[in-house]
N, C-alpha and C. Protein backbone atom coordinates (compact mmCIF):
# COMPACT_ATOMS: atom_id res chain seq x y z
N MET A 1 -25.89 -7.14 -19.80
CA MET A 1 -26.42 -5.92 -20.39
C MET A 1 -25.27 -5.10 -20.96
N THR A 2 -25.40 -4.69 -22.18
CA THR A 2 -24.35 -3.88 -22.81
C THR A 2 -24.67 -2.40 -22.62
N ALA A 3 -23.64 -1.65 -22.32
CA ALA A 3 -23.82 -0.20 -22.15
C ALA A 3 -23.96 0.46 -23.51
N ALA A 4 -24.75 1.51 -23.54
CA ALA A 4 -24.89 2.29 -24.77
C ALA A 4 -23.57 2.99 -25.06
N PRO A 5 -23.28 3.26 -26.33
CA PRO A 5 -22.06 4.02 -26.63
C PRO A 5 -22.07 5.35 -25.89
N LEU A 6 -20.92 5.74 -25.40
CA LEU A 6 -20.80 6.97 -24.62
C LEU A 6 -21.41 8.16 -25.35
N THR A 7 -21.17 8.28 -26.63
CA THR A 7 -21.69 9.43 -27.37
C THR A 7 -23.20 9.44 -27.42
N ALA A 8 -23.84 8.29 -27.32
CA ALA A 8 -25.31 8.24 -27.35
C ALA A 8 -25.91 8.76 -26.05
N LEU A 9 -25.13 8.82 -25.00
CA LEU A 9 -25.64 9.25 -23.70
C LEU A 9 -25.58 10.75 -23.52
N PHE A 10 -24.94 11.44 -24.42
CA PHE A 10 -24.79 12.88 -24.30
C PHE A 10 -25.72 13.58 -25.26
N GLN A 11 -25.90 14.86 -25.01
CA GLN A 11 -26.84 15.64 -25.80
C GLN A 11 -26.31 15.90 -27.20
N LEU A 12 -26.63 17.01 -27.76
CA LEU A 12 -26.32 17.34 -29.15
C LEU A 12 -24.83 17.24 -29.48
N PRO A 13 -24.46 16.85 -30.71
CA PRO A 13 -23.06 16.67 -31.07
C PRO A 13 -22.36 17.94 -31.55
N TYR A 14 -22.83 19.11 -31.22
CA TYR A 14 -22.26 20.34 -31.77
C TYR A 14 -21.19 20.92 -30.86
N GLY A 15 -21.49 21.96 -30.09
CA GLY A 15 -20.48 22.58 -29.24
C GLY A 15 -20.25 21.79 -27.97
N ARG A 16 -19.22 22.17 -27.25
CA ARG A 16 -18.87 21.45 -26.01
C ARG A 16 -20.02 21.45 -25.02
N GLN A 17 -20.64 22.60 -24.80
CA GLN A 17 -21.73 22.66 -23.82
C GLN A 17 -22.87 21.73 -24.20
N GLU A 18 -23.13 21.61 -25.48
CA GLU A 18 -24.23 20.78 -25.93
C GLU A 18 -23.91 19.29 -25.79
N ARG A 19 -22.63 18.95 -25.62
CA ARG A 19 -22.23 17.55 -25.48
C ARG A 19 -22.02 17.17 -24.03
N GLN A 20 -22.52 17.95 -23.10
CA GLN A 20 -22.31 17.61 -21.71
C GLN A 20 -23.25 16.50 -21.26
N ALA A 21 -22.86 15.82 -20.21
CA ALA A 21 -23.65 14.72 -19.68
C ALA A 21 -25.05 15.21 -19.31
N PRO A 22 -26.08 14.45 -19.65
CA PRO A 22 -27.45 14.89 -19.38
C PRO A 22 -27.74 15.03 -17.89
N GLU A 23 -27.00 14.33 -17.04
CA GLU A 23 -27.22 14.43 -15.59
C GLU A 23 -26.63 15.69 -14.98
N SER A 24 -25.78 16.38 -15.70
CA SER A 24 -25.12 17.57 -15.17
C SER A 24 -26.12 18.63 -14.74
N VAL A 25 -25.83 19.24 -13.60
CA VAL A 25 -26.66 20.36 -13.16
C VAL A 25 -26.25 21.60 -13.94
N PRO A 26 -27.19 22.50 -14.19
CA PRO A 26 -26.84 23.73 -14.92
C PRO A 26 -25.81 24.55 -14.15
N GLY A 27 -24.97 25.24 -14.87
CA GLY A 27 -23.98 26.11 -14.24
C GLY A 27 -22.71 26.19 -15.05
N LYS A 28 -21.75 26.85 -14.46
CA LYS A 28 -20.50 27.17 -15.15
C LYS A 28 -19.69 25.92 -15.54
N PHE A 29 -19.51 24.98 -14.62
CA PHE A 29 -18.68 23.81 -14.88
C PHE A 29 -19.52 22.67 -15.45
N TYR A 30 -18.90 21.88 -16.34
CA TYR A 30 -19.56 20.70 -16.92
C TYR A 30 -18.50 19.74 -17.43
N VAL A 31 -18.92 18.51 -17.67
CA VAL A 31 -18.06 17.49 -18.28
C VAL A 31 -18.69 17.13 -19.62
N ASP A 32 -17.88 17.09 -20.67
CA ASP A 32 -18.44 16.77 -21.99
C ASP A 32 -18.18 15.31 -22.36
N SER A 33 -18.56 14.95 -23.55
CA SER A 33 -18.52 13.56 -24.00
C SER A 33 -17.12 12.99 -24.23
N GLN A 34 -16.08 13.80 -24.04
CA GLN A 34 -14.71 13.29 -24.17
C GLN A 34 -14.26 12.52 -22.92
N CYS A 35 -15.05 12.55 -21.86
CA CYS A 35 -14.67 11.93 -20.58
C CYS A 35 -14.27 10.46 -20.77
N ILE A 36 -13.15 10.08 -20.15
CA ILE A 36 -12.66 8.70 -20.23
C ILE A 36 -12.78 7.99 -18.88
N ASP A 37 -13.49 8.58 -17.93
CA ASP A 37 -13.75 7.94 -16.64
C ASP A 37 -12.47 7.64 -15.87
N CYS A 38 -11.57 8.61 -15.81
CA CYS A 38 -10.27 8.39 -15.17
C CYS A 38 -10.27 8.64 -13.66
N ASP A 39 -11.32 9.20 -13.11
CA ASP A 39 -11.46 9.49 -11.68
C ASP A 39 -10.80 10.79 -11.22
N LEU A 40 -10.00 11.44 -12.06
CA LEU A 40 -9.27 12.61 -11.60
C LEU A 40 -10.19 13.69 -11.05
N CYS A 41 -11.25 14.03 -11.76
CA CYS A 41 -12.13 15.11 -11.29
C CYS A 41 -12.85 14.70 -10.00
N ARG A 42 -13.26 13.45 -9.91
CA ARG A 42 -13.97 12.98 -8.72
C ARG A 42 -13.06 12.95 -7.50
N GLU A 43 -11.79 12.64 -7.71
CA GLU A 43 -10.83 12.64 -6.62
C GLU A 43 -10.45 14.06 -6.22
N THR A 44 -10.37 14.95 -7.19
CA THR A 44 -9.95 16.33 -6.94
C THR A 44 -11.07 17.16 -6.32
N ALA A 45 -12.28 17.01 -6.83
CA ALA A 45 -13.42 17.81 -6.36
C ALA A 45 -14.63 16.91 -6.11
N PRO A 46 -14.56 16.07 -5.07
CA PRO A 46 -15.64 15.11 -4.82
C PRO A 46 -16.97 15.74 -4.42
N LYS A 47 -16.95 16.99 -4.01
CA LYS A 47 -18.20 17.68 -3.67
C LYS A 47 -18.95 18.15 -4.91
N ASN A 48 -18.32 18.04 -6.08
CA ASN A 48 -18.91 18.58 -7.30
C ASN A 48 -19.03 17.58 -8.45
N PHE A 49 -18.13 16.62 -8.52
CA PHE A 49 -18.14 15.64 -9.61
C PHE A 49 -18.50 14.27 -9.06
N THR A 50 -19.26 13.52 -9.84
CA THR A 50 -19.57 12.14 -9.49
C THR A 50 -19.56 11.30 -10.76
N ARG A 51 -19.80 10.01 -10.58
CA ARG A 51 -19.72 9.06 -11.70
C ARG A 51 -21.11 8.57 -12.09
N GLN A 52 -21.33 8.46 -13.38
CA GLN A 52 -22.53 7.82 -13.90
C GLN A 52 -22.11 6.37 -14.12
N ASP A 53 -22.50 5.50 -13.20
CA ASP A 53 -22.01 4.12 -13.21
C ASP A 53 -22.37 3.33 -14.46
N ASP A 54 -23.59 3.47 -14.94
CA ASP A 54 -24.00 2.69 -16.12
C ASP A 54 -23.24 3.12 -17.37
N GLY A 55 -23.00 4.43 -17.51
CA GLY A 55 -22.33 4.93 -18.70
C GLY A 55 -20.83 5.01 -18.57
N GLY A 56 -20.32 5.00 -17.33
CA GLY A 56 -18.89 5.07 -17.12
C GLY A 56 -18.28 6.41 -17.48
N TYR A 57 -18.88 7.49 -16.97
CA TYR A 57 -18.33 8.82 -17.19
C TYR A 57 -18.67 9.70 -15.99
N SER A 58 -17.99 10.81 -15.88
CA SER A 58 -18.23 11.76 -14.79
C SER A 58 -19.16 12.86 -15.24
N TYR A 59 -19.78 13.50 -14.25
CA TYR A 59 -20.60 14.68 -14.52
C TYR A 59 -20.62 15.56 -13.27
N VAL A 60 -21.04 16.79 -13.44
CA VAL A 60 -21.13 17.74 -12.33
C VAL A 60 -22.50 17.56 -11.69
N PHE A 61 -22.51 17.11 -10.42
CA PHE A 61 -23.77 16.94 -9.72
C PHE A 61 -24.09 18.12 -8.81
N ALA A 62 -23.09 18.97 -8.54
CA ALA A 62 -23.28 20.17 -7.73
C ALA A 62 -22.28 21.22 -8.19
N GLN A 63 -22.77 22.37 -8.60
CA GLN A 63 -21.88 23.46 -8.97
C GLN A 63 -21.18 23.98 -7.72
N PRO A 64 -19.95 24.46 -7.85
CA PRO A 64 -19.23 24.97 -6.69
C PRO A 64 -19.92 26.20 -6.10
N THR A 65 -19.94 26.25 -4.78
CA THR A 65 -20.58 27.38 -4.09
C THR A 65 -19.63 28.14 -3.18
N THR A 66 -18.43 27.63 -3.00
CA THR A 66 -17.44 28.31 -2.17
C THR A 66 -16.17 28.54 -2.99
N PRO A 67 -15.35 29.49 -2.57
CA PRO A 67 -14.08 29.69 -3.28
C PRO A 67 -13.22 28.42 -3.32
N GLU A 68 -13.25 27.64 -2.25
CA GLU A 68 -12.47 26.40 -2.22
C GLU A 68 -12.99 25.40 -3.26
N GLU A 69 -14.31 25.29 -3.39
CA GLU A 69 -14.88 24.38 -4.38
C GLU A 69 -14.57 24.85 -5.80
N VAL A 70 -14.63 26.16 -6.03
CA VAL A 70 -14.28 26.70 -7.35
C VAL A 70 -12.82 26.36 -7.66
N GLU A 71 -11.95 26.53 -6.69
CA GLU A 71 -10.53 26.22 -6.87
C GLU A 71 -10.33 24.74 -7.21
N LYS A 72 -11.03 23.86 -6.50
CA LYS A 72 -10.91 22.42 -6.76
C LYS A 72 -11.45 22.06 -8.14
N CYS A 73 -12.57 22.66 -8.55
CA CYS A 73 -13.11 22.40 -9.89
C CYS A 73 -12.16 22.90 -10.97
N GLN A 74 -11.55 24.05 -10.74
CA GLN A 74 -10.56 24.58 -11.68
C GLN A 74 -9.35 23.66 -11.76
N GLU A 75 -8.93 23.14 -10.62
CA GLU A 75 -7.81 22.19 -10.59
C GLU A 75 -8.17 20.92 -11.39
N ALA A 76 -9.40 20.45 -11.24
CA ALA A 76 -9.85 19.27 -12.01
C ALA A 76 -9.85 19.59 -13.50
N LEU A 77 -10.34 20.77 -13.86
CA LEU A 77 -10.36 21.19 -15.26
C LEU A 77 -8.95 21.18 -15.85
N GLU A 78 -8.02 21.79 -15.13
CA GLU A 78 -6.65 21.90 -15.62
C GLU A 78 -5.93 20.55 -15.67
N GLY A 79 -6.34 19.62 -14.81
CA GLY A 79 -5.69 18.32 -14.76
C GLY A 79 -6.31 17.26 -15.65
N CYS A 80 -7.48 17.53 -16.18
CA CYS A 80 -8.18 16.53 -17.00
C CYS A 80 -7.32 16.12 -18.19
N PRO A 81 -7.01 14.83 -18.33
CA PRO A 81 -6.10 14.40 -19.40
C PRO A 81 -6.68 14.49 -20.80
N VAL A 82 -7.99 14.64 -20.93
CA VAL A 82 -8.60 14.71 -22.27
C VAL A 82 -9.38 16.00 -22.48
N ASP A 83 -9.17 16.98 -21.59
CA ASP A 83 -9.83 18.29 -21.73
C ASP A 83 -11.35 18.16 -21.83
N ALA A 84 -11.93 17.28 -20.98
CA ALA A 84 -13.38 17.05 -21.02
C ALA A 84 -14.16 17.96 -20.10
N ILE A 85 -13.48 18.76 -19.28
CA ILE A 85 -14.17 19.65 -18.35
C ILE A 85 -14.16 21.06 -18.91
N GLY A 86 -15.32 21.67 -18.92
CA GLY A 86 -15.44 23.05 -19.37
C GLY A 86 -15.95 23.93 -18.25
N LYS A 87 -15.79 25.23 -18.39
CA LYS A 87 -16.31 26.15 -17.37
C LYS A 87 -16.98 27.36 -18.00
N ASP A 88 -17.48 27.19 -19.21
CA ASP A 88 -18.17 28.29 -19.86
C ASP A 88 -19.67 28.01 -19.96
N GLY A 89 -20.16 27.17 -19.08
CA GLY A 89 -21.59 26.86 -19.06
C GLY A 89 -22.39 27.99 -18.44
N GLU A 90 -23.70 27.82 -18.47
CA GLU A 90 -24.59 28.84 -17.89
C GLU A 90 -25.41 28.26 -16.78
């Protein structure tokens, strides 16, 4: 079985928020279609980021609820090698 192109798995091709993974829960943090599946966010903030195995990309499955989780998500955002994590979601 061949995987669909990564861009086909994401929403609208306009702004960053609109290109976030469809599995992402609503909220401030999100992963957009630039994700290269490097594991950094999942290793840094495992309580908030997970992997979409079929598509090979990360997404936010739980928004941070504690100061420690916010700090870890921010660390993942700052460390992302392709700037695929945003924090201006709603």
